Amino acid sequence: MIAIERNKLTQALNDAGKVWDVIVIGGGATGLGTAVDAAARGYKTLLLEQADFAKGTSSRSTKLVHGGVRYLAQGDIALVREALFERGLLLKNAAHLVKNESFIIPNYEWWGGAFYSIGLTLYDLLAGKLGFGRARHISKQQVIGRLATIQPKSLYGGVVYHDGQFDDARLAVNLAQTALEQGATVLNYFKVNDLLKNNNGKISGVTATDTETDKTYTIQGKTVINATGVFVDDILTMDKPESKPIVRPSQGVHIVLDRSFMPGEDALMIPKTDDGRVLFAVPWHDKLVVGTTDTPIDEHSLEPVALQEEIDFIMRTAAKYLTKAPTRKDVLSVFAGLRPLAAPEKGSSKTKEISRSHKLIVSGSDLITITGGKWTTYRRMGEDTVNKAIKVGGLTPYLTQTKTLAIHGSKANVDRNDHLYVYGSDQGDLIALSKENAAWQEKLHARMPYIKAEVIWGVRFEMARTVEDILARRVRALFLDARAAIDMAPAVAALMATELNKDSSWREDQVAAFTKMAQTYLLEPYHPIV
């Protein structure tokens, strides 16, 4: 593989006369999906992300590729059908990251088995040929056999159904690589400051600053797409200062526990908690992710923090269904993400009633904004957005290519017992890299499987620029064990400093910044022994 060099990517912006067909603001699932779709159709495509790819919402999901059983219960058949179709495509196109996961719904009411079996049979029928497997009822003994730590008291039986499970940030990184391979220019740590307009008041480009060099660029474009998730209103205000908010952020929190709390291979799904929400406990990278919450939030940020009542809700609900009740000291990591829900038309405050389907809005200036949606439907969102850009920008129309486009790294039948499986078809090259330097084969932490070569790989081939980029999104240490991630930071900073030609003050600043941020992923402060 050829290393991705940032200074070569930025050279594409030096030509002030160049006019891009599509400029995408935002490097989360939606923006990356849009850039891949546009570039694959042959359009001159530029994506700019103010932080790192998937820094916000797109790295903080429940790690599910799913149709949305909850949306089926709400009667949103069209959204479920679309999501199930996209789920099937993702299993084919990102085979190394997406897996077929079995979920068990335990029934504590006598009627539960029949009720959920009927609903999930419809769920499977909607998936058609792209189905993951039929739902079926299982006995109380079978539920206990598969979920050894499930609460047996008053248990009648259960229903098994199938959905997808994946690594969100890894998929985002692979989408950035795919966009580059399709001819796009993709840059992280590039902040859009303003929108350019022509004499008719129509959008004609952006100004953006490379936050590493503080150099500002004036960039011309036929279309500009606002795919900034919970930040869409910030861009809309640049366009029209009096714009009304179109997004109502909702916070979702997860806690991460050791697998001893639920050691089997099945995931647990509680369809209706005390307050009517859905709760999942999903095996992920040899840990257990439990969540989520759905809390309306008035402010948005790149680093949202879990509220105490959200943590208490998850712990209290988990304790109801698991024989081993988690305590605060058992929590390895807690992470919060903000969902960019389309603001309700009539002011409903219940976030679970706000539409999960995506919306496309074209401003009077021809700024295209895409909002709402979820990871599973990212590809369809990208397709719809580019279709809109073709009309708005008068681009020569070409059909989407992404239904069958393999995402970078896609490889079937990976060995999930080897943590390097997430690299897919790149795994062999990464192992070869590790053999160039014996030290690179060493583990970064005794409790974690990651090796030093992954840091080098992340910098050279995956556009990692900071210690956080590595520990949060290239390897998932921060989300799996925040204390271990804090311990790993100095070694990661040292390896990156050599690769990026940075000095000791950079290393110290990086470790300090990461440690401060990582403390917010813990319920109790952690002070490593240096």
Protein backbone atom coordinates (compact mmCIF):
# COMPACT_ATOMS: atom_id res chain seq x y z
CA MET A 1 0.00 0.00 0.00
CA ILE A 2 1.04 3.57 -0.64
CA ALA A 3 1.11 5.83 2.41
CA ILE A 4 -1.44 8.65 2.53
CA GLU A 5 0.50 11.92 2.76
CA ARG A 6 -1.45 14.88 4.07
CA ASN A 7 0.69 17.50 2.33
CA LYS A 8 0.00 15.84 -1.03
CA LEU A 9 -3.75 15.84 -0.34
CA THR A 10 -3.73 19.55 0.55
CA GLN A 11 -1.94 20.37 -2.72
CA ALA A 12 -5.25 19.74 -4.47
CA LEU A 13 -6.53 22.90 -2.74
CA ASN A 14 -3.72 25.18 -3.91
CA ASP A 15 -5.27 25.75 -7.34
CA ALA A 16 -7.68 28.62 -6.62
CA GLY A 17 -9.20 28.21 -10.08
CA LYS A 18 -10.22 24.60 -9.55
CA VAL A 19 -13.99 24.06 -9.27
CA TRP A 20 -15.10 20.94 -7.41
CA ASP A 21 -18.34 19.24 -8.40
CA VAL A 22 -19.18 18.31 -4.83
CA ILE A 23 -17.82 19.73 -1.56
CA VAL A 24 -18.92 17.75 1.48
CA ILE A 25 -18.70 19.32 4.94
CA GLY A 26 -18.56 16.62 7.62
CA GLY A 27 -16.65 13.36 7.95
CA GLY A 28 -19.11 11.19 9.80
CA ALA A 29 -21.14 8.32 8.35
CA THR A 30 -23.33 10.56 6.19
CA GLY A 31 -20.56 12.78 4.82
CA LEU A 32 -18.27 9.85 4.08
CA GLY A 33 -21.09 7.94 2.40
CA THR A 34 -21.85 10.97 0.26
CA ALA A 35 -18.19 11.43 -0.71
CA VAL A 36 -17.84 7.75 -1.67
CA ASP A 37 -21.00 7.90 -3.79
CA ALA A 38 -20.02 11.15 -5.53
CA ALA A 39 -16.44 10.05 -6.25
CA ALA A 40 -17.55 6.61 -7.47
CA ARG A 41 -19.81 8.33 -10.02
CA GLY A 42 -16.81 10.29 -11.29
CA TYR A 43 -17.50 13.71 -9.76
CA LYS A 44 -14.63 15.87 -8.52
CA THR A 45 -15.24 15.43 -4.80
CA LEU A 46 -13.78 17.11 -1.70
CA LEU A 47 -14.64 16.20 1.90
CA LEU A 48 -13.62 18.41 4.83
CA GLU A 49 -13.92 17.31 8.49
CA GLN A 50 -13.21 19.74 11.34
CA ALA A 51 -11.87 17.03 13.68
CA ASP A 52 -11.26 13.35 12.92
CA PHE A 53 -13.46 11.05 10.88
CA ALA A 54 -16.37 9.77 13.01
CA LYS A 55 -15.18 11.87 15.96
CA GLY A 56 -18.77 12.64 16.93
CA THR A 57 -21.90 10.54 16.68
CA SER A 58 -20.52 8.06 14.16
CA SER A 59 -18.07 6.41 16.58
CA ARG A 60 -20.53 6.29 19.50
CA SER A 61 -23.29 3.99 18.27
CA THR A 62 -24.63 0.76 19.80
CA LYS A 63 -22.50 -1.02 17.15
CA LEU A 64 -25.57 -2.39 15.34
CA VAL A 65 -26.38 -2.60 11.65
CA HIS A 66 -30.10 -3.08 11.96
CA GLY A 67 -33.49 -2.45 10.48
CA GLY A 68 -34.82 -1.12 13.75
CA VAL A 69 -37.21 -3.43 15.56
CA ARG A 70 -38.45 -0.40 17.52
CA TYR A 71 -39.42 1.43 14.31
CA LEU A 72 -41.44 -1.62 13.25
CA ALA A 73 -43.39 -1.37 16.53
CA GLN A 74 -44.01 2.31 15.69
CA GLY A 75 -45.41 1.29 12.29
CA ASP A 76 -42.62 2.86 10.19
CA ILE A 77 -42.56 0.00 7.68
CA ALA A 78 -40.85 2.00 4.91
CA LEU A 79 -37.88 2.94 7.13
CA VAL A 80 -37.49 -0.64 8.35
CA ARG A 81 -37.60 -2.07 4.83
CA GLU A 82 -35.01 0.44 3.61
CA ALA A 83 -32.74 -0.24 6.57
CA LEU A 84 -32.98 -4.03 6.20
CA PHE A 85 -32.04 -3.73 2.51
CA GLU A 86 -29.03 -1.57 3.40
CA ARG A 87 -28.08 -3.98 6.21
CA GLY A 88 -27.87 -6.76 3.62
CA LEU A 89 -25.67 -4.66 1.31
CA LEU A 90 -23.33 -3.78 4.19
CA LEU A 91 -22.83 -7.44 5.07
CA LYS A 92 -21.68 -7.99 1.47
CA ASN A 93 -19.69 -4.80 0.93
CA ALA A 94 -17.91 -4.56 4.31
CA ALA A 95 -17.71 -8.26 5.07
CA HIS A 96 -14.74 -7.88 7.43
CA LEU A 97 -16.55 -5.50 9.77
CA VAL A 98 -20.21 -6.55 9.66
CA LYS A 99 -21.32 -9.85 11.15
CA ASN A 100 -24.60 -11.67 11.58
CA GLU A 101 -25.41 -11.46 15.32
CA SER A 102 -28.11 -13.43 17.13
CA PHE A 103 -30.25 -11.50 19.62
CA ILE A 104 -32.40 -13.01 22.35
CA ILE A 105 -35.50 -11.29 23.72
CA PRO A 106 -36.33 -12.90 27.08
CA ASN A 107 -40.07 -13.16 27.78
CA TYR A 108 -41.25 -12.40 31.28
CA GLU A 109 -44.93 -12.31 30.29
CA TRP A 110 -46.73 -15.47 29.17
CA TRP A 111 -47.84 -13.80 25.92
CA GLY A 112 -44.40 -12.40 25.05
CA GLY A 113 -43.19 -15.34 22.95
CA ALA A 114 -46.08 -15.26 20.50
CA PHE A 115 -46.20 -11.45 20.38
CA TYR A 116 -42.50 -10.98 19.51
CA SER A 117 -42.37 -14.03 17.24
CA ILE A 118 -45.13 -12.57 15.06
CA GLY A 119 -43.52 -9.10 14.95
CA LEU A 120 -40.06 -10.44 14.16
CA THR A 121 -41.40 -12.78 11.47
CA LEU A 122 -42.65 -9.63 9.71
CA TYR A 123 -39.20 -8.09 10.29
CA ASP A 124 -37.59 -11.05 8.52
CA LEU A 125 -40.13 -11.00 5.67
CA LEU A 126 -39.35 -7.32 5.04
CA ALA A 127 -35.67 -8.22 4.58
CA GLY A 128 -36.55 -10.61 1.72
CA LYS A 129 -33.55 -12.24 0.05
CA LEU A 130 -31.16 -10.17 2.18
CA GLY A 131 -32.45 -11.70 5.42
CA PHE A 132 -30.02 -12.74 8.16
CA GLY A 133 -32.06 -15.70 9.46
CA ARG A 134 -35.56 -16.42 10.69
CA ALA A 135 -36.79 -15.50 14.16
CA ARG A 136 -37.96 -18.37 16.36
CA HIS A 137 -39.28 -19.03 19.82
CA ILE A 138 -37.02 -20.86 22.33
CA SER A 139 -37.80 -22.39 25.71
CA LYS A 140 -36.84 -21.07 29.14
CA GLN A 141 -34.13 -23.74 29.38
CA GLN A 142 -32.71 -22.72 25.99
CA VAL A 143 -32.63 -19.04 26.98
CA ILE A 144 -30.72 -19.91 30.19
CA GLY A 145 -28.41 -22.21 28.22
CA ARG A 146 -27.48 -19.42 25.82
CA LEU A 147 -27.58 -16.49 28.28
CA ALA A 148 -26.07 -18.05 31.40
CA THR A 149 -26.41 -14.85 33.44
CA ILE A 150 -30.03 -14.04 32.53
CA GLN A 151 -32.44 -13.55 35.44
CA PRO A 152 -34.41 -16.86 35.55
CA LYS A 153 -37.18 -15.75 37.92
CA SER A 154 -40.56 -15.41 36.12
CA LEU A 155 -38.88 -16.23 32.76
CA TYR A 156 -41.26 -17.99 30.34
CA GLY A 157 -38.96 -18.39 27.33
CA GLY A 158 -37.54 -16.20 24.60
CA VAL A 159 -37.32 -15.26 20.95
CA VAL A 160 -34.13 -15.41 18.89
CA TYR A 161 -33.77 -13.09 15.92
CA HIS A 162 -30.84 -11.92 13.78
CA ASP A 163 -29.39 -8.51 13.04
CA GLY A 164 -26.02 -7.01 12.14
CA GLN A 165 -23.14 -5.97 14.40
CA PHE A 166 -20.12 -3.91 13.35
CA ASP A 167 -17.31 -1.54 14.32
CA ASP A 168 -18.52 1.98 13.51
CA ALA A 169 -15.28 4.00 13.61
CA ARG A 170 -13.38 1.33 11.68
CA LEU A 171 -16.04 1.45 8.95
CA ALA A 172 -15.69 5.24 8.84
CA VAL A 173 -11.93 4.96 8.35
CA ASN A 174 -12.46 2.41 5.58
CA LEU A 175 -14.99 4.69 3.89
CA ALA A 176 -12.46 7.53 3.91
CA GLN A 177 -9.95 5.19 2.27
CA THR A 178 -12.58 4.08 -0.25
CA ALA A 179 -13.38 7.68 -1.16
CA LEU A 180 -9.68 8.36 -1.74
CA GLU A 181 -9.40 5.26 -3.92
CA GLN A 182 -12.37 6.49 -5.97
CA GLY A 183 -10.56 9.78 -6.62
CA ALA A 184 -11.93 12.04 -3.88
CA THR A 185 -9.81 14.36 -1.75
CA VAL A 186 -10.60 13.67 1.91
CA LEU A 187 -9.14 15.73 4.77
CA ASN A 188 -9.57 15.65 8.52
CA TYR A 189 -8.72 18.60 10.78
CA PHE A 190 -10.03 21.04 8.16
CA LYS A 191 -12.59 23.49 9.51
CA VAL A 192 -15.02 25.28 7.21
CA ASN A 193 -15.20 28.93 8.31
CA ASP A 194 -17.62 30.41 5.81
CA LEU A 195 -19.66 29.79 2.69
CA LEU A 196 -18.86 31.56 -0.58
CA LYS A 197 -21.69 33.01 -2.68
CA ASN A 198 -21.89 34.48 -6.15
CA ASN A 199 -23.65 37.72 -7.12
CA ASN A 200 -27.00 35.92 -7.25
CA GLY A 201 -26.65 34.77 -3.64
CA LYS A 202 -26.04 31.17 -4.62
CA ILE A 203 -23.43 29.00 -2.90
CA SER A 204 -20.20 28.86 -4.90
CA GLY A 205 -17.78 27.24 -2.45
CA VAL A 206 -16.29 27.50 1.04
CA THR A 207 -13.37 28.93 2.94
CA ALA A 208 -11.66 26.41 5.20
CA THR A 209 -8.66 26.35 7.50
CA ASP A 210 -6.18 23.51 7.92
CA THR A 211 -6.05 23.50 11.72
CA GLU A 212 -2.60 21.88 11.68
CA THR A 213 -0.96 24.67 9.69
CA ASP A 214 -3.47 27.52 10.21
CA LYS A 215 -3.49 28.02 6.45
CA THR A 216 -6.86 29.13 5.07
CA TYR A 217 -8.06 28.10 1.60
CA THR A 218 -10.69 29.54 -0.70
CA ILE A 219 -12.34 26.61 -2.45
CA GLN A 220 -14.77 26.82 -5.38
CA GLY A 221 -17.56 24.26 -5.79
CA LYS A 222 -20.65 23.65 -7.92
CA THR A 223 -22.45 22.17 -4.91
CA VAL A 224 -21.85 22.28 -1.17
CA ILE A 225 -23.31 19.60 1.09
CA ASN A 226 -23.86 20.16 4.80
CA ALA A 227 -23.48 16.70 6.36
CA THR A 228 -22.33 17.80 9.80
CA GLY A 229 -24.76 15.82 11.97
CA VAL A 230 -25.61 17.68 15.17
CA PHE A 231 -23.69 20.69 13.80
CA VAL A 232 -25.90 21.21 10.71
CA ASP A 233 -27.51 24.27 12.25
CA ASP A 234 -24.09 25.94 12.61
CA ILE A 235 -23.57 25.69 8.84
CA LEU A 236 -27.16 26.77 8.14
CA THR A 237 -26.54 29.87 10.27
CA MET A 238 -23.46 30.67 8.15
CA ASP A 239 -25.78 30.54 5.15
CA LYS A 240 -28.64 32.48 6.76
CA PRO A 241 -28.06 33.94 10.25
CA GLU A 242 -31.77 33.93 11.09
CA SER A 243 -32.21 30.20 10.30
CA LYS A 244 -34.38 28.22 12.71
CA PRO A 245 -32.82 25.01 14.12
CA ILE A 246 -33.71 21.91 12.15
CA VAL A 247 -32.01 19.40 14.47
CA ARG A 248 -33.04 18.31 17.93
CA PRO A 249 -30.03 16.50 19.44
CA SER A 250 -30.70 13.42 21.52
CA GLN A 251 -28.00 11.86 23.70
CA GLY A 252 -27.41 8.12 23.80
CA VAL A 253 -25.15 6.66 26.49
CA HIS A 254 -23.50 3.22 26.72
CA ILE A 255 -21.48 1.50 29.41
CA VAL A 256 -18.87 -1.15 28.68
CA LEU A 257 -18.41 -4.16 30.95
CA ASP A 258 -16.27 -7.26 31.10
CA ARG A 259 -17.71 -10.26 29.23
CA SER A 260 -18.22 -12.14 32.51
CA PHE A 261 -21.48 -10.20 32.88
CA MET A 262 -22.85 -12.03 29.81
CA PRO A 263 -20.29 -14.55 28.52
CA GLY A 264 -22.19 -16.13 25.60
CA GLU A 265 -22.06 -15.21 21.92
CA ASP A 266 -25.67 -13.99 21.81
CA ALA A 267 -26.75 -10.40 22.35
CA LEU A 268 -29.60 -9.44 24.69
CA MET A 269 -32.45 -7.18 23.64
CA ILE A 270 -34.96 -5.77 26.13
CA PRO A 271 -37.79 -4.39 23.96
CA LYS A 272 -39.47 -2.28 26.61
CA THR A 273 -37.76 -0.91 29.70
CA ASP A 274 -39.44 0.97 32.57
CA ASP A 275 -39.69 4.14 30.51
CA GLY A 276 -40.54 2.47 27.20
CA ARG A 277 -37.06 2.43 25.69
CA VAL A 278 -35.10 -0.43 24.14
CA LEU A 279 -31.98 -1.72 25.88
CA PHE A 280 -29.24 -3.82 24.27
CA ALA A 281 -26.35 -5.78 25.73
CA VAL A 282 -24.08 -6.64 22.80
CA PRO A 283 -20.77 -8.58 22.75
CA TRP A 284 -18.17 -6.36 21.06
CA HIS A 285 -14.39 -6.86 20.83
CA ASP A 286 -14.44 -9.27 23.79
CA LYS A 287 -16.34 -6.77 25.97
CA LEU A 288 -20.04 -6.10 26.56
CA VAL A 289 -21.66 -2.85 25.38
CA VAL A 290 -24.87 -2.02 27.26
CA GLY A 291 -27.21 0.80 26.26
CA THR A 292 -28.68 3.05 25.22
CA THR A 293 -30.49 6.10 26.54
CA ASP A 294 -32.50 8.71 24.65
CA THR A 295 -32.18 12.07 26.38
CA PRO A 296 -33.06 15.41 24.74
CA ILE A 297 -30.03 17.73 24.86
CA ASP A 298 -30.08 21.50 24.32
CA GLU A 299 -26.38 21.90 23.53
CA HIS A 300 -24.13 19.92 21.23
CA SER A 301 -20.41 19.27 21.50
CA LEU A 302 -17.69 17.05 20.05
CA GLU A 303 -17.24 15.40 23.45
CA PRO A 304 -20.65 14.91 25.06
CA VAL A 305 -20.59 13.57 28.63
CA ALA A 306 -22.93 10.96 30.09
CA LEU A 307 -25.39 12.28 32.65
CA GLN A 308 -25.55 10.53 36.02
CA GLU A 309 -29.22 9.65 35.56
CA GLU A 310 -28.43 7.97 32.22
CA ILE A 311 -25.72 5.82 33.78
CA ASP A 312 -28.03 4.95 36.69
CA PHE A 313 -30.81 3.96 34.27
CA ILE A 314 -28.55 1.57 32.33
CA MET A 315 -27.07 0.01 35.50
CA ARG A 316 -30.49 -0.33 37.14
CA THR A 317 -32.03 -1.92 34.03
CA ALA A 318 -29.08 -4.28 33.51
CA ALA A 319 -29.35 -5.39 37.14
CA LYS A 320 -33.03 -6.31 36.57
CA TYR A 321 -32.19 -8.74 33.78
CA LEU A 322 -28.72 -10.07 34.68
CA THR A 323 -27.93 -12.21 37.72
CA LYS A 324 -24.62 -10.38 38.08
CA ALA A 325 -25.50 -6.73 38.72
CA PRO A 326 -22.84 -4.25 37.51
CA THR A 327 -21.41 -1.70 39.96
CA ARG A 328 -19.65 1.56 39.17
CA LYS A 329 -16.22 -0.01 39.60
CA ASP A 330 -17.12 -2.65 36.99
CA VAL A 331 -17.58 -0.04 34.25
CA LEU A 332 -14.55 -0.12 31.94
CA SER A 333 -15.72 2.81 29.84
CA VAL A 334 -18.79 4.97 29.40
CA PHE A 335 -19.41 6.89 26.20
CA ALA A 336 -22.05 9.33 25.05
CA GLY A 337 -23.10 10.22 21.51
CA LEU A 338 -25.50 12.77 20.09
CA ARG A 339 -28.06 11.75 17.48
CA PRO A 340 -28.90 14.44 14.92
CA LEU A 341 -32.66 13.89 14.95
CA ALA A 342 -34.76 15.96 12.59
CA ALA A 343 -36.61 18.49 14.77
CA PRO A 344 -40.30 17.60 15.16
CA GLU A 345 -42.82 19.59 13.14
CA LYS A 346 -45.25 20.08 16.01
CA GLY A 347 -42.88 20.37 18.94
CA SER A 348 -43.02 16.83 20.36
CA SER A 349 -40.45 16.57 23.11
CA LYS A 350 -40.21 12.77 23.13
CA THR A 351 -37.12 11.90 21.12
CA LYS A 352 -38.32 8.37 20.44
CA GLU A 353 -41.23 9.96 18.52
CA ILE A 354 -38.95 12.10 16.35
CA SER A 355 -38.37 10.62 12.91
CA ARG A 356 -35.25 8.49 12.39
CA SER A 357 -35.60 8.78 8.62
CA HIS A 358 -33.30 11.23 6.87
CA LYS A 359 -34.28 14.58 5.40
CA LEU A 360 -32.78 16.54 2.52
CA ILE A 361 -33.19 20.30 2.58
CA VAL A 362 -32.11 22.73 -0.15
CA SER A 363 -31.78 26.34 1.04
CA GLY A 364 -32.59 29.36 -1.12
CA SER A 365 -28.82 29.67 -1.68
CA ASP A 366 -28.71 26.05 -2.99
CA LEU A 367 -26.88 24.80 0.12
CA ILE A 368 -27.81 21.11 0.43
CA THR A 369 -28.32 19.82 3.98
CA ILE A 370 -28.75 16.15 4.87
CA THR A 371 -29.90 15.32 8.40
CA GLY A 372 -31.41 12.51 10.45
CA GLY A 373 -30.91 8.88 9.51
CA LYS A 374 -28.65 6.27 11.08
CA TRP A 375 -25.47 4.31 10.37
CA THR A 376 -27.29 1.44 8.69
CA THR A 377 -28.71 3.68 5.98
CA TYR A 378 -25.58 5.80 5.41
CA ARG A 379 -25.15 4.50 1.82
CA ARG A 380 -28.72 5.32 0.84
CA MET A 381 -28.37 8.77 2.43
CA GLY A 382 -25.24 9.35 0.34
CA GLU A 383 -26.99 8.22 -2.83
CA ASP A 384 -30.01 10.46 -2.22
CA THR A 385 -27.75 13.42 -1.41
CA VAL A 386 -25.70 13.06 -4.60
CA ASN A 387 -28.89 12.68 -6.65
CA LYS A 388 -30.00 16.01 -5.19
CA ALA A 389 -26.59 17.58 -5.89
CA ILE A 390 -26.86 16.54 -9.56
CA LYS A 391 -30.10 18.53 -9.89
CA VAL A 392 -29.00 21.52 -7.82
CA GLY A 393 -25.55 21.84 -9.40
CA GLY A 394 -26.51 20.89 -12.94
CA LEU A 395 -23.99 18.05 -12.90
CA THR A 396 -23.87 15.51 -15.72
CA PRO A 397 -26.02 12.68 -14.32
CA TYR A 398 -24.42 9.31 -13.61
CA LEU A 399 -25.99 6.41 -11.73
CA THR A 400 -24.85 5.40 -8.25
CA GLN A 401 -22.19 2.70 -8.06
CA THR A 402 -22.24 2.01 -4.32
CA LYS A 403 -24.76 -0.84 -4.12
CA THR A 404 -22.07 -3.25 -5.26
CA LEU A 405 -18.93 -1.25 -4.42
CA ALA A 406 -16.68 -3.15 -2.01
CA ILE A 407 -15.55 -0.95 0.86
CA HIS A 408 -11.79 -0.78 1.49
CA GLY A 409 -10.66 -3.86 3.42
CA SER A 410 -13.75 -5.94 2.69
CA LYS A 411 -12.96 -9.63 3.07
CA ALA A 412 -15.28 -12.52 3.82
CA ASN A 413 -14.62 -15.17 6.46
CA VAL A 414 -12.16 -13.25 8.62
CA ASP A 415 -10.95 -14.88 11.83
CA ARG A 416 -12.68 -12.89 14.57
CA ASN A 417 -10.55 -14.57 17.23
CA ASP A 418 -7.61 -12.52 15.91
CA HIS A 419 -8.16 -8.86 16.80
CA LEU A 420 -6.45 -7.81 13.55
CA TYR A 421 -9.51 -9.05 11.62
CA VAL A 422 -10.83 -5.46 11.51
CA TYR A 423 -8.16 -4.66 8.91
CA GLY A 424 -9.71 -7.18 6.53
CA SER A 425 -7.71 -7.47 3.32
CA ASP A 426 -5.06 -5.13 4.81
CA GLN A 427 -4.23 -7.57 7.61
CA GLY A 428 -1.38 -9.24 5.71
CA ASP A 429 0.24 -5.89 4.93
CA LEU A 430 -0.04 -4.81 8.56
CA ILE A 431 1.63 -8.03 9.73
CA ALA A 432 4.40 -7.47 7.16
CA LEU A 433 4.85 -3.94 8.51
CA SER A 434 5.17 -5.28 12.05
CA LYS A 435 8.07 -7.47 10.95
CA GLU A 436 10.07 -4.45 9.77
CA ASN A 437 10.84 -3.59 13.39
CA ALA A 438 10.78 -6.18 16.19
CA ALA A 439 9.56 -3.56 18.67
CA TRP A 440 6.45 -2.95 16.56
CA GLN A 441 5.26 -6.49 17.33
CA GLU A 442 5.05 -5.69 21.05
CA LYS A 443 1.68 -5.17 22.72
CA LEU A 444 0.78 -1.68 23.85
CA HIS A 445 -0.88 -2.91 27.06
CA ALA A 446 -1.11 -6.22 28.92
CA ARG A 447 -4.93 -6.11 29.03
CA MET A 448 -5.38 -5.18 25.38
CA PRO A 449 -4.45 -7.07 22.19
CA TYR A 450 -3.21 -4.06 20.21
CA ILE A 451 0.39 -3.96 18.95
CA LYS A 452 2.68 -1.01 18.22
CA ALA A 453 2.55 -1.66 14.47
CA GLU A 454 -1.10 -0.60 14.52
CA VAL A 455 -0.03 2.90 15.59
CA ILE A 456 2.41 3.13 12.69
CA TRP A 457 -0.25 1.78 10.34
CA GLY A 458 -2.83 4.27 11.60
CA VAL A 459 -0.54 7.20 10.88
CA ARG A 460 0.71 6.03 7.48
CA PHE A 461 -2.42 4.55 5.96
CA GLU A 462 -5.42 5.72 7.99
CA MET A 463 -4.80 9.47 8.40
CA ALA A 464 -4.48 9.41 12.20
CA ARG A 465 -3.06 12.72 13.43
CA THR A 466 -3.43 12.59 17.22
CA VAL A 467 -3.13 10.11 20.09
CA GLU A 468 -6.90 10.26 20.43
CA ASP A 469 -7.35 9.33 16.75
CA ILE A 470 -5.40 6.14 17.41
CA LEU A 471 -6.77 5.14 20.81
CA ALA A 472 -10.40 6.12 20.21
CA ARG A 473 -11.02 5.30 16.54
CA ARG A 474 -8.16 3.36 14.83
CA VAL A 475 -7.94 0.91 17.72
CA ARG A 476 -10.92 1.12 20.07
CA ALA A 477 -9.09 1.12 23.41
CA LEU A 478 -10.78 4.25 24.79
CA PHE A 479 -14.24 2.76 24.26
CA LEU A 480 -13.30 -0.67 25.61
CA ASP A 481 -11.10 0.11 28.62
CA ALA A 482 -10.45 3.79 29.29
CA ARG A 483 -7.89 3.10 32.04
CA ALA A 484 -5.81 0.93 29.71
CA ALA A 485 -6.11 3.63 27.03
CA ILE A 486 -4.70 6.23 29.45
CA ASP A 487 -1.80 3.87 30.23
CA MET A 488 -1.11 3.42 26.50
CA ALA A 489 -1.05 7.13 25.62
CA PRO A 490 2.67 7.84 26.26
CA ALA A 491 3.83 4.91 24.10
CA VAL A 492 1.41 5.87 21.33
CA ALA A 493 2.57 9.51 21.46
CA ALA A 494 6.21 8.44 21.18
CA LEU A 495 5.53 6.25 18.14
CA MET A 496 3.46 8.95 16.45
CA ALA A 497 6.00 11.69 17.16
CA THR A 498 8.65 9.71 15.29
CA GLU A 499 6.33 9.10 12.34
CA LEU A 500 5.04 12.69 12.18
CA ASN A 501 8.39 14.31 13.03
CA LYS A 502 7.05 15.98 16.20
CA ASP A 503 9.04 17.11 19.24
CA SER A 504 8.82 16.24 22.94
CA SER A 505 6.45 19.12 23.74
CA TRP A 506 3.99 17.75 21.17
CA ARG A 507 4.19 14.36 22.85
CA GLU A 508 3.56 15.84 26.28
CA ASP A 509 0.65 17.96 25.04
CA GLN A 510 -0.91 14.97 23.30
CA VAL A 511 -0.69 12.73 26.37
CA ALA A 512 -2.08 15.47 28.63
CA ALA A 513 -4.98 16.27 26.29
CA PHE A 514 -5.87 12.63 25.79
CA THR A 515 -5.66 11.80 29.51
CA LYS A 516 -7.93 14.72 30.41
CA MET A 517 -10.50 13.70 27.82
CA ALA A 518 -10.31 9.97 28.67
CA GLN A 519 -11.14 10.70 32.32
CA THR A 520 -14.66 11.61 31.16
CA TYR A 521 -15.08 8.00 29.99
CA LEU A 522 -14.64 6.78 33.57
CA LEU A 523 -17.02 6.88 36.52
CA GLU A 524 -14.13 7.27 38.95
CA PRO A 525 -10.90 9.24 38.32
CA TYR A 526 -7.88 7.18 37.31
CA HIS A 527 -4.33 8.22 38.16
CA PRO A 528 -1.81 5.98 36.39
CA ILE A 529 1.44 5.09 38.10
CA VAL A 530 4.13 6.60 35.90
